[in-house]
Amino acid sequence: MRARDKLAIQLLVEMLEEQGHVVHQAAGGAEGLTALAGLRAIDLVFTDLGMPGMTGWEVARAIKARRPTLPVVLVTGWGTAWEETSPERRAVDLVLAKPLTNAALRAAIAEIAGRRPPLGQ
């Protein structure tokens, strides 16, 4: 993993933790999917589009195949203009462009939370 990628992950983790979230991080897609299998109390997954070994699209599809209601946010430096109907785009709940800001993260989390049904439904 490139130093720039490690820094981007660390910044995302720090921003989320500063907002009061508990973060589980992985160095890549396969590691993240393995960790996810052992964690039931996950509310949201952020995945980068460009990763070694697996793309963010592949990670999102694998997550949705296992846990269809778990929201997945794709983070990318390559823009956010994908067709809503494309198979790749349907695998994620939201696409965020880099560089991320605290405000963008808060807005994304609020948007995802607003899509969920109330507890007990």
PDB file of N, CA and C in Angstrom:
ATOM      1  N   MET A   1       0.851  -1.179   0.000  1.00  0.00           N
ATOM      2  CA  MET A   1       0.000   0.000   0.000  1.00  0.00           C
ATOM      3  C   MET A   1       0.891   1.234   0.000  1.00  0.00           C
ATOM      4  N   ARG A   2       0.516   2.184  -0.829  1.00  0.00           N
ATOM      5  CA  ARG A   2       1.303   3.411  -0.940  1.00  0.00           C
ATOM      6  C   ARG A   2       1.124   4.274   0.309  1.00  0.00           C
ATOM      7  N   ALA A   3       2.155   5.062   0.601  1.00  0.00           N
ATOM      8  CA  ALA A   3       2.126   5.940   1.771  1.00  0.00           C
ATOM      9  C   ALA A   3       0.951   6.915   1.689  1.00  0.00           C
ATOM     10  N   ARG A   4       0.651   7.399   0.479  1.00  0.00           N
ATOM     11  CA  ARG A   4      -0.457   8.336   0.298  1.00  0.00           C
ATOM     12  C   ARG A   4      -1.788   7.684   0.659  1.00  0.00           C
ATOM     13  N   ASP A   5      -1.943   6.411   0.296  1.00  0.00           N
ATOM     14  CA  ASP A   5      -3.176   5.691   0.618  1.00  0.00           C
ATOM     15  C   ASP A   5      -3.304   5.481   2.121  1.00  0.00           C
ATOM     16  N   LYS A   6      -2.195   5.136   2.775  1.00  0.00           N
ATOM     17  CA  LYS A   6      -2.214   4.958   4.227  1.00  0.00           C
ATOM     18  C   LYS A   6      -2.609   6.257   4.919  1.00  0.00           C
ATOM     19  N   LEU A   7      -2.085   7.363   4.424  1.00  0.00           N
ATOM     20  CA  LEU A   7      -2.416   8.662   5.005  1.00  0.00           C
ATOM     21  C   LEU A   7      -3.894   8.975   4.817  1.00  0.00           C
ATOM     22  N   ALA A   8      -4.443   8.685   3.639  1.00  0.00           N
ATOM     23  CA  ALA A   8      -5.863   8.945   3.381  1.00  0.00           C
ATOM     24  C   ALA A   8      -6.745   8.118   4.312  1.00  0.00           C
ATOM     25  N   ILE A   9      -6.379   6.856   4.527  1.00  0.00           N
ATOM     26  CA  ILE A   9      -7.140   6.001   5.442  1.00  0.00           C
ATOM     27  C   ILE A   9      -7.080   6.563   6.847  1.00  0.00           C
ATOM     28  N   GLN A  10      -5.882   6.943   7.282  1.00  0.00           N
ATOM     29  CA  GLN A  10      -5.722   7.461   8.641  1.00  0.00           C
ATOM     30  C   GLN A  10      -6.521   8.741   8.846  1.00  0.00           C
ATOM     31  N   LEU A  11      -6.540   9.614   7.849  1.00  0.00           N
ATOM     32  CA  LEU A  11      -7.317  10.851   7.959  1.00  0.00           C
ATOM     33  C   LEU A  11      -8.813  10.555   8.052  1.00  0.00           C
ATOM     34  N   LEU A  12      -9.298   9.616   7.246  1.00  0.00           N
ATOM     35  CA  LEU A  12     -10.712   9.237   7.313  1.00  0.00           C
ATOM     36  C   LEU A  12     -11.044   8.671   8.690  1.00  0.00           C
ATOM     37  N   VAL A  13     -10.193   7.792   9.187  1.00  0.00           N
ATOM     38  CA  VAL A  13     -10.410   7.207  10.516  1.00  0.00           C
ATOM     39  C   VAL A  13     -10.443   8.301  11.577  1.00  0.00           C
ATOM     40  N   GLU A  14      -9.499   9.212  11.536  1.00  0.00           N
ATOM     41  CA  GLU A  14      -9.452  10.296  12.528  1.00  0.00           C
ATOM     42  C   GLU A  14     -10.696  11.169  12.457  1.00  0.00           C
ATOM     43  N   MET A  15     -11.136  11.515  11.253  1.00  0.00           N
ATOM     44  CA  MET A  15     -12.332  12.354  11.132  1.00  0.00           C
ATOM     45  C   MET A  15     -13.554  11.638  11.700  1.00  0.00           C
ATOM     46  N   LEU A  16     -13.698  10.361  11.393  1.00  0.00           N
ATOM     47  CA  LEU A  16     -14.845   9.609  11.907  1.00  0.00           C
ATOM     48  C   LEU A  16     -14.783   9.476  13.420  1.00  0.00           C
ATOM     49  N   GLU A  17     -13.612   9.181  13.967  1.00  0.00           N
ATOM     50  CA  GLU A  17     -13.480   9.054  15.417  1.00  0.00           C
ATOM     51  C   GLU A  17     -13.722  10.388  16.114  1.00  0.00           C
ATOM     52  N   GLU A  18     -13.284  11.490  15.512  1.00  0.00           N
ATOM     53  CA  GLU A  18     -13.543  12.812  16.090  1.00  0.00           C
ATOM     54  C   GLU A  18     -15.038  13.102  16.155  1.00  0.00           C
ATOM     55  N   GLN A  19     -15.799  12.501  15.247  1.00  0.00           N
ATOM     56  CA  GLN A  19     -17.249  12.677  15.240  1.00  0.00           C
ATOM     57  C   GLN A  19     -17.943  11.699  16.187  1.00  0.00           C
ATOM     58  N   GLY A  20     -17.160  10.859  16.867  1.00  0.00           N
ATOM     59  CA  GLY A  20     -17.719   9.954  17.860  1.00  0.00           C
ATOM     60  C   GLY A  20     -18.030   8.552  17.363  1.00  0.00           C
ATOM     61  N   HIS A  21     -17.594   8.209  16.167  1.00  0.00           N
ATOM     62  CA  HIS A  21     -17.865   6.891  15.608  1.00  0.00           C
ATOM     63  C   HIS A  21     -16.775   5.896  16.011  1.00  0.00           C
ATOM     64  N   VAL A  22     -17.161   4.642  16.151  1.00  0.00           N
ATOM     65  CA  VAL A  22     -16.208   3.555  16.373  1.00  0.00           C
ATOM     66  C   VAL A  22     -15.824   3.041  14.996  1.00  0.00           C
ATOM     67  N   VAL A  23     -14.534   2.967  14.731  1.00  0.00           N
ATOM     68  CA  VAL A  23     -14.049   2.623  13.396  1.00  0.00           C
ATOM     69  C   VAL A  23     -13.254   1.325  13.446  1.00  0.00           C
ATOM     70  N   HIS A  24     -13.553   0.444  12.503  1.00  0.00           N
ATOM     71  CA  HIS A  24     -12.758  -0.763  12.257  1.00  0.00           C
ATOM     72  C   HIS A  24     -12.156  -0.560  10.882  1.00  0.00           C
ATOM     73  N   GLN A  25     -10.836  -0.621  10.782  1.00  0.00           N
ATOM     74  CA  GLN A  25     -10.219  -0.371   9.485  1.00  0.00           C
ATOM     75  C   GLN A  25      -9.490  -1.593   8.959  1.00  0.00           C
ATOM     76  N   ALA A  26      -9.347  -1.618   7.640  1.00  0.00           N
ATOM     77  CA  ALA A  26      -8.654  -2.711   6.970  1.00  0.00           C
ATOM     78  C   ALA A  26      -7.741  -2.111   5.912  1.00  0.00           C
ATOM     79  N   ALA A  27      -6.677  -2.828   5.611  1.00  0.00           N
ATOM     80  CA  ALA A  27      -5.695  -2.347   4.642  1.00  0.00           C
ATOM     81  C   ALA A  27      -6.115  -2.600   3.200  1.00  0.00           C
ATOM     82  N   GLY A  28      -7.144  -3.390   2.987  1.00  0.00           N
ATOM     83  CA  GLY A  28      -7.592  -3.688   1.630  1.00  0.00           C
ATOM     84  C   GLY A  28      -8.935  -4.373   1.647  1.00  0.00           C
ATOM     85  N   GLY A  29      -9.449  -4.643   0.455  1.00  0.00           N
ATOM     86  CA  GLY A  29     -10.778  -5.212   0.325  1.00  0.00           C
ATOM     87  C   GLY A  29     -10.933  -6.582   0.948  1.00  0.00           C
ATOM     88  N   ALA A  30     -10.014  -7.492   0.655  1.00  0.00           N
ATOM     89  CA  ALA A  30     -10.116  -8.850   1.196  1.00  0.00           C
ATOM     90  C   ALA A  30     -10.038  -8.838   2.713  1.00  0.00           C
ATOM     91  N   GLU A  31      -9.133  -8.040   3.254  1.00  0.00           N
ATOM     92  CA  GLU A  31      -9.011  -7.934   4.708  1.00  0.00           C
ATOM     93  C   GLU A  31     -10.283  -7.350   5.315  1.00  0.00           C
ATOM     94  N   GLY A  32     -10.852  -6.370   4.662  1.00  0.00           N
ATOM     95  CA  GLY A  32     -12.093  -5.768   5.146  1.00  0.00           C
ATOM     96  C   GLY A  32     -13.258  -6.741   5.136  1.00  0.00           C
ATOM     97  N   LEU A  33     -13.369  -7.535   4.082  1.00  0.00           N
ATOM     98  CA  LEU A  33     -14.453  -8.517   4.008  1.00  0.00           C
ATOM     99  C   LEU A  33     -14.294  -9.593   5.077  1.00  0.00           C
ATOM    100  N   THR A  34     -13.057  -9.994   5.333  1.00  0.00           N
ATOM    101  CA  THR A  34     -12.802 -10.975   6.392  1.00  0.00           C
ATOM    102  C   THR A  34     -13.196 -10.397   7.748  1.00  0.00           C
ATOM    103  N   ALA A  35     -12.809  -9.164   8.003  1.00  0.00           N
ATOM    104  CA  ALA A  35     -13.162  -8.518   9.278  1.00  0.00           C
ATOM    105  C   ALA A  35     -14.668  -8.355   9.402  1.00  0.00           C
ATOM    106  N   LEU A  36     -15.315  -7.976   8.325  1.00  0.00           N
ATOM    107  CA  LEU A  36     -16.761  -7.770   8.343  1.00  0.00           C
ATOM    108  C   LEU A  36     -17.506  -9.045   8.705  1.00  0.00           C
ATOM    109  N   ALA A  37     -16.999 -10.169   8.259  1.00  0.00           N
ATOM    110  CA  ALA A  37     -17.649 -11.450   8.555  1.00  0.00           C
ATOM    111  C   ALA A  37     -17.733 -11.718  10.051  1.00  0.00           C
ATOM    112  N   GLY A  38     -16.788 -11.194  10.812  1.00  0.00           N
ATOM    113  CA  GLY A  38     -16.781 -11.408  12.254  1.00  0.00           C
ATOM    114  C   GLY A  38     -17.427 -10.307  13.063  1.00  0.00           C
ATOM    115  N   LEU A  39     -17.919  -9.272  12.404  1.00  0.00           N
ATOM    116  CA  LEU A  39     -18.494  -8.124  13.105  1.00  0.00           C
ATOM    117  C   LEU A  39     -19.965  -7.983  12.741  1.00  0.00           C
ATOM    118  N   ARG A  40     -20.832  -8.060  13.707  1.00  0.00           N
ATOM    119  CA  ARG A  40     -22.267  -7.885  13.455  1.00  0.00           C
ATOM    120  C   ARG A  40     -22.693  -6.440  13.636  1.00  0.00           C
ATOM    121  N   ALA A  41     -22.048  -5.717  14.517  1.00  0.00           N
ATOM    122  CA  ALA A  41     -22.488  -4.358  14.852  1.00  0.00           C
ATOM    123  C   ALA A  41     -21.800  -3.321  13.966  1.00  0.00           C
ATOM    124  N   ILE A  42     -21.973  -3.464  12.666  1.00  0.00           N
ATOM    125  CA  ILE A  42     -21.440  -2.493  11.716  1.00  0.00           C
ATOM    126  C   ILE A  42     -22.630  -1.765  11.102  1.00  0.00           C
ATOM    127  N   ASP A  43     -22.580  -0.434  11.135  1.00  0.00           N
ATOM    128  CA  ASP A  43     -23.689   0.362  10.616  1.00  0.00           C
ATOM    129  C   ASP A  43     -23.454   0.883   9.209  1.00  0.00           C
ATOM    130  N   LEU A  44     -22.182   0.986   8.806  1.00  0.00           N
ATOM    131  CA  LEU A  44     -21.847   1.640   7.547  1.00  0.00           C
ATOM    132  C   LEU A  44     -20.443   1.241   7.141  1.00  0.00           C
ATOM    133  N   VAL A  45     -20.221   1.045   5.841  1.00  0.00           N
ATOM    134  CA  VAL A  45     -18.893   0.724   5.319  1.00  0.00           C
ATOM    135  C   VAL A  45     -18.467   1.818   4.348  1.00  0.00           C
ATOM    136  N   PHE A  46     -17.249   2.315   4.545  1.00  0.00           N
ATOM    137  CA  PHE A  46     -16.605   3.192   3.576  1.00  0.00           C
ATOM    138  C   PHE A  46     -15.560   2.358   2.869  1.00  0.00           C
ATOM    139  N   THR A  47     -15.531   2.402   1.551  1.00  0.00           N
ATOM    140  CA  THR A  47     -14.504   1.706   0.794  1.00  0.00           C
ATOM    141  C   THR A  47     -13.966   2.634  -0.278  1.00  0.00           C
ATOM    142  N   ASP A  48     -12.668   2.539  -0.506  1.00  0.00           N
ATOM    143  CA  ASP A  48     -12.043   3.329  -1.558  1.00  0.00           C
ATOM    144  C   ASP A  48     -12.249   2.619  -2.885  1.00  0.00           C
ATOM    145  N   LEU A  49     -12.355   3.372  -3.954  1.00  0.00           N
ATOM    146  CA  LEU A  49     -12.503   2.766  -5.267  1.00  0.00           C
ATOM    147  C   LEU A  49     -11.221   2.054  -5.683  1.00  0.00           C
ATOM    148  N   GLY A  50     -10.093   2.727  -5.574  1.00  0.00           N
ATOM    149  CA  GLY A  50      -8.828   2.162  -6.023  1.00  0.00           C
ATOM    150  C   GLY A  50      -8.034   1.569  -4.878  1.00  0.00           C
ATOM    151  N   MET A  51      -8.006   0.241  -4.822  1.00  0.00           N
ATOM    152  CA  MET A  51      -7.259  -0.466  -3.778  1.00  0.00           C
ATOM    153  C   MET A  51      -6.489  -1.608  -4.422  1.00  0.00           C
ATOM    154  N   PRO A  52      -5.434  -2.050  -3.773  1.00  0.00           N
ATOM    155  CA  PRO A  52      -4.733  -3.217  -4.302  1.00  0.00           C
ATOM    156  C   PRO A  52      -5.560  -4.491  -4.111  1.00  0.00           C
ATOM    157  N   GLY A  53      -5.567  -5.350  -5.107  1.00  0.00           N
ATOM    158  CA  GLY A  53      -6.239  -6.642  -4.975  1.00  0.00           C
ATOM    159  C   GLY A  53      -7.699  -6.649  -5.352  1.00  0.00           C
ATOM    160  N   MET A  54      -8.459  -5.679  -4.917  1.00  0.00           N
ATOM    161  CA  MET A  54      -9.899  -5.584  -5.201  1.00  0.00           C
ATOM    162  C   MET A  54     -10.254  -4.117  -5.392  1.00  0.00           C
ATOM    163  N   THR A  55     -11.207  -3.860  -6.250  1.00  0.00           N
ATOM    164  CA  THR A  55     -11.703  -2.485  -6.371  1.00  0.00           C
ATOM    165  C   THR A  55     -12.794  -2.251  -5.324  1.00  0.00           C
ATOM    166  N   GLY A  56     -13.115  -1.013  -5.108  1.00  0.00           N
ATOM    167  CA  GLY A  56     -14.223  -0.697  -4.213  1.00  0.00           C
ATOM    168  C   GLY A  56     -15.542  -1.243  -4.711  1.00  0.00           C
ATOM    169  N   TRP A  57     -15.709  -1.317  -6.046  1.00  0.00           N
ATOM    170  CA  TRP A  57     -16.929  -1.897  -6.614  1.00  0.00           C
ATOM    171  C   TRP A  57     -17.038  -3.362  -6.211  1.00  0.00           C
ATOM    172  N   GLU A  58     -15.926  -4.094  -6.303  1.00  0.00           N
ATOM    173  CA  GLU A  58     -15.927  -5.514  -5.945  1.00  0.00           C
ATOM    174  C   GLU A  58     -16.242  -5.701  -4.463  1.00  0.00           C
ATOM    175  N   VAL A  59     -15.669  -4.852  -3.645  1.00  0.00           N
ATOM    176  CA  VAL A  59     -15.946  -4.911  -2.206  1.00  0.00           C
ATOM    177  C   VAL A  59     -17.429  -4.653  -1.957  1.00  0.00           C
ATOM    178  N   ALA A  60     -17.975  -3.621  -2.593  1.00  0.00           N
ATOM    179  CA  ALA A  60     -19.392  -3.280  -2.401  1.00  0.00           C
ATOM    180  C   ALA A  60     -20.296  -4.430  -2.828  1.00  0.00           C
ATOM    181  N   ARG A  61     -20.018  -5.032  -3.976  1.00  0.00           N
ATOM    182  CA  ARG A  61     -20.846  -6.153  -4.436  1.00  0.00           C
ATOM    183  C   ARG A  61     -20.776  -7.329  -3.459  1.00  0.00           C
ATOM    184  N   ALA A  62     -19.584  -7.607  -2.944  1.00  0.00           N
ATOM    185  CA  ALA A  62     -19.432  -8.707  -1.982  1.00  0.00           C
ATOM    186  C   ALA A  62     -20.195  -8.417  -0.695  1.00  0.00           C
ATOM    187  N   ILE A  63     -20.142  -7.178  -0.236  1.00  0.00           N
ATOM    188  CA  ILE A  63     -20.874  -6.806   0.982  1.00  0.00           C
ATOM    189  C   ILE A  63     -22.373  -6.948   0.750  1.00  0.00           C
ATOM    190  N   LYS A  64     -22.866  -6.429  -0.362  1.00  0.00           N
ATOM    191  CA  LYS A  64     -24.303  -6.481  -0.641  1.00  0.00           C
ATOM    192  C   LYS A  64     -24.787  -7.917  -0.818  1.00  0.00           C
ATOM    193  N   ALA A  65     -23.921  -8.799  -1.338  1.00  0.00           N
ATOM    194  CA  ALA A  65     -24.307 -10.204  -1.489  1.00  0.00           C
ATOM    195  C   ALA A  65     -24.477 -10.870  -0.127  1.00  0.00           C
ATOM    196  N   ARG A  66     -23.687 -10.441   0.841  1.00  0.00           N
ATOM    197  CA  ARG A  66     -23.734 -11.039   2.181  1.00  0.00           C
ATOM    198  C   ARG A  66     -24.710 -10.325   3.106  1.00  0.00           C
ATOM    199  N   ARG A  67     -24.733  -8.995   3.012  1.00  0.00           N
ATOM    200  CA  ARG A  67     -25.553  -8.182   3.906  1.00  0.00           C
ATOM    201  C   ARG A  67     -26.201  -7.062   3.087  1.00  0.00           C
ATOM    202  N   PRO A  68     -27.270  -7.370   2.390  1.00  0.00           N
ATOM    203  CA  PRO A  68     -27.857  -6.422   1.430  1.00  0.00           C
ATOM    204  C   PRO A  68     -28.288  -5.083   2.017  1.00  0.00           C
ATOM    205  N   THR A  69     -28.605  -5.033   3.289  1.00  0.00           N
ATOM    206  CA  THR A  69     -29.081  -3.771   3.867  1.00  0.00           C
ATOM    207  C   THR A  69     -27.972  -2.928   4.479  1.00  0.00           C
ATOM    208  N   LEU A  70     -26.748  -3.445   4.500  1.00  0.00           N
ATOM    209  CA  LEU A  70     -25.631  -2.680   5.058  1.00  0.00           C
ATOM    210  C   LEU A  70     -25.216  -1.591   4.067  1.00  0.00           C
ATOM    211  N   PRO A  71     -25.307  -0.325   4.468  1.00  0.00           N
ATOM    212  CA  PRO A  71     -24.946   0.762   3.552  1.00  0.00           C
ATOM    213  C   PRO A  71     -23.445   0.766   3.247  1.00  0.00           C
ATOM    214  N   VAL A  72     -23.136   1.033   1.972  1.00  0.00           N
ATOM    215  CA  VAL A  72     -21.755   1.109   1.510  1.00  0.00           C
ATOM    216  C   VAL A  72     -21.549   2.454   0.830  1.00  0.00           C
ATOM    217  N   VAL A  73     -20.510   3.176   1.259  1.00  0.00           N
ATOM    218  CA  VAL A  73     -20.143   4.459   0.665  1.00  0.00           C
ATOM    219  C   VAL A  73     -18.818   4.265  -0.061  1.00  0.00           C
ATOM    220  N   LEU A  74     -18.789   4.607  -1.337  1.00  0.00           N
ATOM    221  CA  LEU A  74     -17.580   4.512  -2.138  1.00  0.00           C
ATOM    222  C   LEU A  74     -16.882   5.859  -2.127  1.00  0.00           C
ATOM    223  N   VAL A  75     -15.613   5.850  -1.773  1.00  0.00           N
ATOM    224  CA  VAL A  75     -14.805   7.063  -1.735  1.00  0.00           C
ATOM    225  C   VAL A  75     -13.849   7.011  -2.922  1.00  0.00           C
ATOM    226  N   THR A  76     -13.795   8.092  -3.702  1.00  0.00           N
ATOM    227  CA  THR A  76     -12.964   8.083  -4.899  1.00  0.00           C
ATOM    228  C   THR A  76     -12.399   9.458  -5.224  1.00  0.00           C
ATOM    229  N   GLY A  77     -11.243   9.423  -5.805  1.00  0.00           N
ATOM    230  CA  GLY A  77     -10.635  10.646  -6.317  1.00  0.00           C
ATOM    231  C   GLY A  77     -10.883  10.799  -7.806  1.00  0.00           C
ATOM    232  N   TRP A  78     -11.682   9.907  -8.382  1.00  0.00           N
ATOM    233  CA  TRP A  78     -11.913   9.886  -9.826  1.00  0.00           C
ATOM    234  C   TRP A  78     -13.266  10.466 -10.215  1.00  0.00           C
ATOM    235  N   GLY A  79     -13.885  11.236  -9.350  1.00  0.00           N
ATOM    236  CA  GLY A  79     -15.168  11.848  -9.671  1.00  0.00           C
ATOM    237  C   GLY A  79     -16.331  10.989  -9.207  1.00  0.00           C
ATOM    238  N   THR A  80     -17.524  11.565  -9.233  1.00  0.00           N
ATOM    239  CA  THR A  80     -18.703  10.868  -8.705  1.00  0.00           C
ATOM    240  C   THR A  80     -19.808  10.703  -9.726  1.00  0.00           C
ATOM    241  N   ALA A  81     -19.539  10.983 -11.001  1.00  0.00           N
ATOM    242  CA  ALA A  81     -20.595  10.958 -12.015  1.00  0.00           C
ATOM    243  C   ALA A  81     -20.705   9.586 -12.670  1.00  0.00           C
ATOM    244  N   TRP A  82     -21.411   8.680 -12.020  1.00  0.00           N
ATOM    245  CA  TRP A  82     -21.703   7.374 -12.604  1.00  0.00           C
ATOM    246  C   TRP A  82     -23.202   7.289 -12.827  1.00  0.00           C
ATOM    247  N   GLU A  83     -23.580   6.571 -13.829  1.00  0.00           N
ATOM    248  CA  GLU A  83     -24.998   6.369 -14.098  1.00  0.00           C
ATOM    249  C   GLU A  83     -25.643   5.652 -12.921  1.00  0.00           C
ATOM    250  N   GLU A  84     -26.741   6.170 -12.444  1.00  0.00           N
ATOM    251  CA  GLU A  84     -27.451   5.558 -11.319  1.00  0.00           C
ATOM    252  C   GLU A  84     -27.879   4.126 -11.623  1.00  0.00           C
ATOM    253  N   THR A  85     -28.090   3.808 -12.879  1.00  0.00           N
ATOM    254  CA  THR A  85     -28.575   2.481 -13.239  1.00  0.00           C
ATOM    255  C   THR A  85     -27.464   1.490 -13.553  1.00  0.00           C
ATOM    256  N   SER A  86     -26.215   1.930 -13.578  1.00  0.00           N
ATOM    257  CA  SER A  86     -25.133   0.995 -13.893  1.00  0.00           C
ATOM    258  C   SER A  86     -25.013  -0.034 -12.772  1.00  0.00           C
ATOM    259  N   PRO A  87     -24.640  -1.276 -13.117  1.00  0.00           N
ATOM    260  CA  PRO A  87     -24.515  -2.313 -12.083  1.00  0.00           C
ATOM    261  C   PRO A  87     -23.550  -1.914 -10.968  1.00  0.00           C
ATOM    262  N   GLU A  88     -22.460  -1.250 -11.335  1.00  0.00           N
ATOM    263  CA  GLU A  88     -21.502  -0.830 -10.310  1.00  0.00           C
ATOM    264  C   GLU A  88     -22.133   0.170  -9.344  1.00  0.00           C
ATOM    265  N   ARG A  89     -22.809   1.156  -9.895  1.00  0.00           N
ATOM    266  CA  ARG A  89     -23.376   2.220  -9.062  1.00  0.00           C
ATOM    267  C   ARG A  89     -24.453   1.683  -8.128  1.00  0.00           C
ATOM    268  N   ARG A  90     -25.184   0.674  -8.575  1.00  0.00           N
ATOM    269  CA  ARG A  90     -26.233   0.110  -7.718  1.00  0.00           C
ATOM    270  C   ARG A  90     -25.667  -0.656  -6.535  1.00  0.00           C
ATOM    271  N   ALA A  91     -24.385  -0.993  -6.577  1.00  0.00           N
ATOM    272  CA  ALA A  91     -23.769  -1.733  -5.475  1.00  0.00           C
ATOM    273  C   ALA A  91     -23.437  -0.834  -4.287  1.00  0.00           C
ATOM    274  N   VAL A  92     -23.457   0.478  -4.502  1.00  0.00           N
ATOM    275  CA  VAL A  92     -23.134   1.395  -3.405  1.00  0.00           C
ATOM    276  C   VAL A  92     -24.323   2.304  -3.125  1.00  0.00           C
ATOM    277  N   ASP A  93     -24.368   2.774  -1.890  1.00  0.00           N
ATOM    278  CA  ASP A  93     -25.465   3.652  -1.487  1.00  0.00           C
ATOM    279  C   ASP A  93     -25.153   5.121  -1.722  1.00  0.00           C
ATOM    280  N   LEU A  94     -23.862   5.436  -1.767  1.00  0.00           N
ATOM    281  CA  LEU A  94     -23.448   6.827  -1.916  1.00  0.00           C
ATOM    282  C   LEU A  94     -22.015   6.847  -2.433  1.00  0.00           C
ATOM    283  N   VAL A  95     -21.694   7.847  -3.253  1.00  0.00           N
ATOM    284  CA  VAL A  95     -20.330   8.041  -3.741  1.00  0.00           C
ATOM    285  C   VAL A  95     -19.847   9.391  -3.230  1.00  0.00           C
ATOM    286  N   LEU A  96     -18.673   9.397  -2.606  1.00  0.00           N
ATOM    287  CA  LEU A  96     -18.067  10.631  -2.099  1.00  0.00           C
ATOM    288  C   LEU A  96     -16.761  10.889  -2.822  1.00  0.00           C
ATOM    289  N   ALA A  97     -16.550  12.133  -3.210  1.00  0.00           N
ATOM    290  CA  ALA A  97     -15.315  12.525  -3.881  1.00  0.00           C
ATOM    291  C   ALA A  97     -14.257  12.949  -2.871  1.00  0.00           C
ATOM    292  N   LYS A  98     -13.021  12.599  -3.183  1.00  0.00           N
ATOM    293  CA  LYS A  98     -11.888  13.078  -2.397  1.00  0.00           C
ATOM    294  C   LYS A  98     -11.529  14.469  -2.911  1.00  0.00           C
ATOM    295  N   PRO A  99     -10.950  15.305  -2.109  1.00  0.00           N
ATOM    296  CA  PRO A  99     -10.620  15.072  -0.708  1.00  0.00           C
ATOM    297  C   PRO A  99     -11.853  15.206   0.173  1.00  0.00           C
ATOM    298  N   LEU A 100     -11.932  14.339   1.166  1.00  0.00           N
ATOM    299  CA  LEU A 100     -13.054  14.358   2.096  1.00  0.00           C
ATOM    300  C   LEU A 100     -12.874  15.440   3.140  1.00  0.00           C
ATOM    301  N   THR A 101     -13.989  15.963   3.579  1.00  0.00           N
ATOM    302  CA  THR A 101     -13.988  16.928   4.675  1.00  0.00           C
ATOM    303  C   THR A 101     -14.889  16.397   5.781  1.00  0.00           C
ATOM    304  N   ASN A 102     -14.732  16.956   6.974  1.00  0.00           N
ATOM    305  CA  ASN A 102     -15.620  16.573   8.077  1.00  0.00           C
ATOM    306  C   ASN A 102     -17.074  16.843   7.718  1.00  0.00           C
ATOM    307  N   ALA A 103     -17.322  17.970   7.071  1.00  0.00           N
ATOM    308  CA  ALA A 103     -18.697  18.319   6.698  1.00  0.00           C
ATOM    309  C   ALA A 103     -19.267  17.307   5.714  1.00  0.00           C
ATOM    310  N   ALA A 104     -18.477  16.884   4.738  1.00  0.00           N
ATOM    311  CA  ALA A 104     -18.954  15.898   3.766  1.00  0.00           C
ATOM    312  C   ALA A 104     -19.234  14.563   4.434  1.00  0.00           C
ATOM    313  N   LEU A 105     -18.394  14.169   5.372  1.00  0.00           N
ATOM    314  CA  LEU A 105     -18.624  12.916   6.099  1.00  0.00           C
ATOM    315  C   LEU A 105     -19.892  12.985   6.933  1.00  0.00           C
ATOM    316  N   ARG A 106     -20.078  14.091   7.660  1.00  0.00           N
ATOM    317  CA  ARG A 106     -21.292  14.247   8.461  1.00  0.00           C
ATOM    318  C   ARG A 106     -22.536  14.205   7.578  1.00  0.00           C
ATOM    319  N   ALA A 107     -22.486  14.883   6.446  1.00  0.00           N
ATOM    320  CA  ALA A 107     -23.629  14.898   5.534  1.00  0.00           C
ATOM    321  C   ALA A 107     -23.911  13.505   4.976  1.00  0.00           C
ATOM    322  N   ALA A 108     -22.859  12.777   4.626  1.00  0.00           N
ATOM    323  CA  ALA A 108     -23.038  11.418   4.091  1.00  0.00           C
ATOM    324  C   ALA A 108     -23.658  10.499   5.133  1.00  0.00           C
ATOM    325  N   ILE A 109     -23.157  10.565   6.352  1.00  0.00           N
ATOM    326  CA  ILE A 109     -23.686   9.715   7.421  1.00  0.00           C
ATOM    327  C   ILE A 109     -25.137  10.077   7.723  1.00  0.00           C
ATOM    328  N   ALA A 110     -25.446  11.364   7.745  1.00  0.00           N
ATOM    329  CA  ALA A 110     -26.825  11.797   7.973  1.00  0.00           C
ATOM    330  C   ALA A 110     -27.741  11.324   6.846  1.00  0.00           C
ATOM    331  N   GLU A 111     -27.254  11.389   5.607  1.00  0.00           N
ATOM    332  CA  GLU A 111     -28.073  10.931   4.479  1.00  0.00           C
ATOM    333  C   GLU A 111     -28.348   9.440   4.578  1.00  0.00           C
ATOM    334  N   ILE A 112     -27.327   8.661   4.885  1.00  0.00           N
ATOM    335  CA  ILE A 112     -27.497   7.216   5.030  1.00  0.00           C
ATOM    336  C   ILE A 112     -28.445   6.916   6.186  1.00  0.00           C
ATOM    337  N   ALA A 113     -28.268   7.597   7.300  1.00  0.00           N
ATOM    338  CA  ALA A 113     -29.127   7.368   8.472  1.00  0.00           C
ATOM    339  C   ALA A 113     -30.573   7.724   8.157  1.00  0.00           C
ATOM    340  N   GLY A 114     -30.784   8.735   7.350  1.00  0.00           N
ATOM    341  CA  GLY A 114     -32.139   9.150   6.978  1.00  0.00           C
ATOM    342  C   GLY A 114     -32.846   8.156   6.083  1.00  0.00           C
ATOM    343  N   ARG A 115     -32.106   7.281   5.427  1.00  0.00           N
ATOM    344  CA  ARG A 115     -32.690   6.264   4.551  1.00  0.00           C
ATOM    345  C   ARG A 115     -33.136   5.030   5.308  1.00  0.00           C
ATOM    346  N   ARG A 116     -32.657   4.860   6.524  1.00  0.00           N
ATOM    347  CA  ARG A 116     -32.953   3.648   7.298  1.00  0.00           C
ATOM    348  C   ARG A 116     -34.328   3.729   7.924  1.00  0.00           C
ATOM    349  N   PRO A 117     -35.029   2.599   7.992  1.00  0.00           N
ATOM    350  CA  PRO A 117     -36.319   2.601   8.686  1.00  0.00           C
ATOM    351  C   PRO A 117     -36.081   2.720  10.194  1.00  0.00           C
ATOM    352  N   PRO A 118     -37.049   3.248  10.923  1.00  0.00           N
ATOM    353  CA  PRO A 118     -36.890   3.337  12.373  1.00  0.00           C
ATOM    354  C   PRO A 118     -36.693   1.948  12.978  1.00  0.00           C
ATOM    355  N   LEU A 119     -36.058   1.907  14.146  1.00  0.00           N
ATOM    356  CA  LEU A 119     -35.846   0.629  14.834  1.00  0.00           C
ATOM    357  C   LEU A 119     -37.167  -0.103  15.022  1.00  0.00           C
ATOM    358  N   GLY A 120     -37.142  -1.400  14.894  1.00  0.00           N
ATOM    359  CA  GLY A 120     -38.334  -2.194  15.089  1.00  0.00           C
ATOM    360  C   GLY A 120     -39.124  -2.423  13.818  1.00  0.00           C
ATOM    361  N   GLN A 121     -38.658  -1.870  12.702  1.00  0.00           N
ATOM    362  CA  GLN A 121     -39.378  -2.064  11.429  1.00  0.00           C
ATOM    363  C   GLN A 121     -38.560  -2.887  10.473  1.00  0.00           C
TER     364      GLN A 121
END
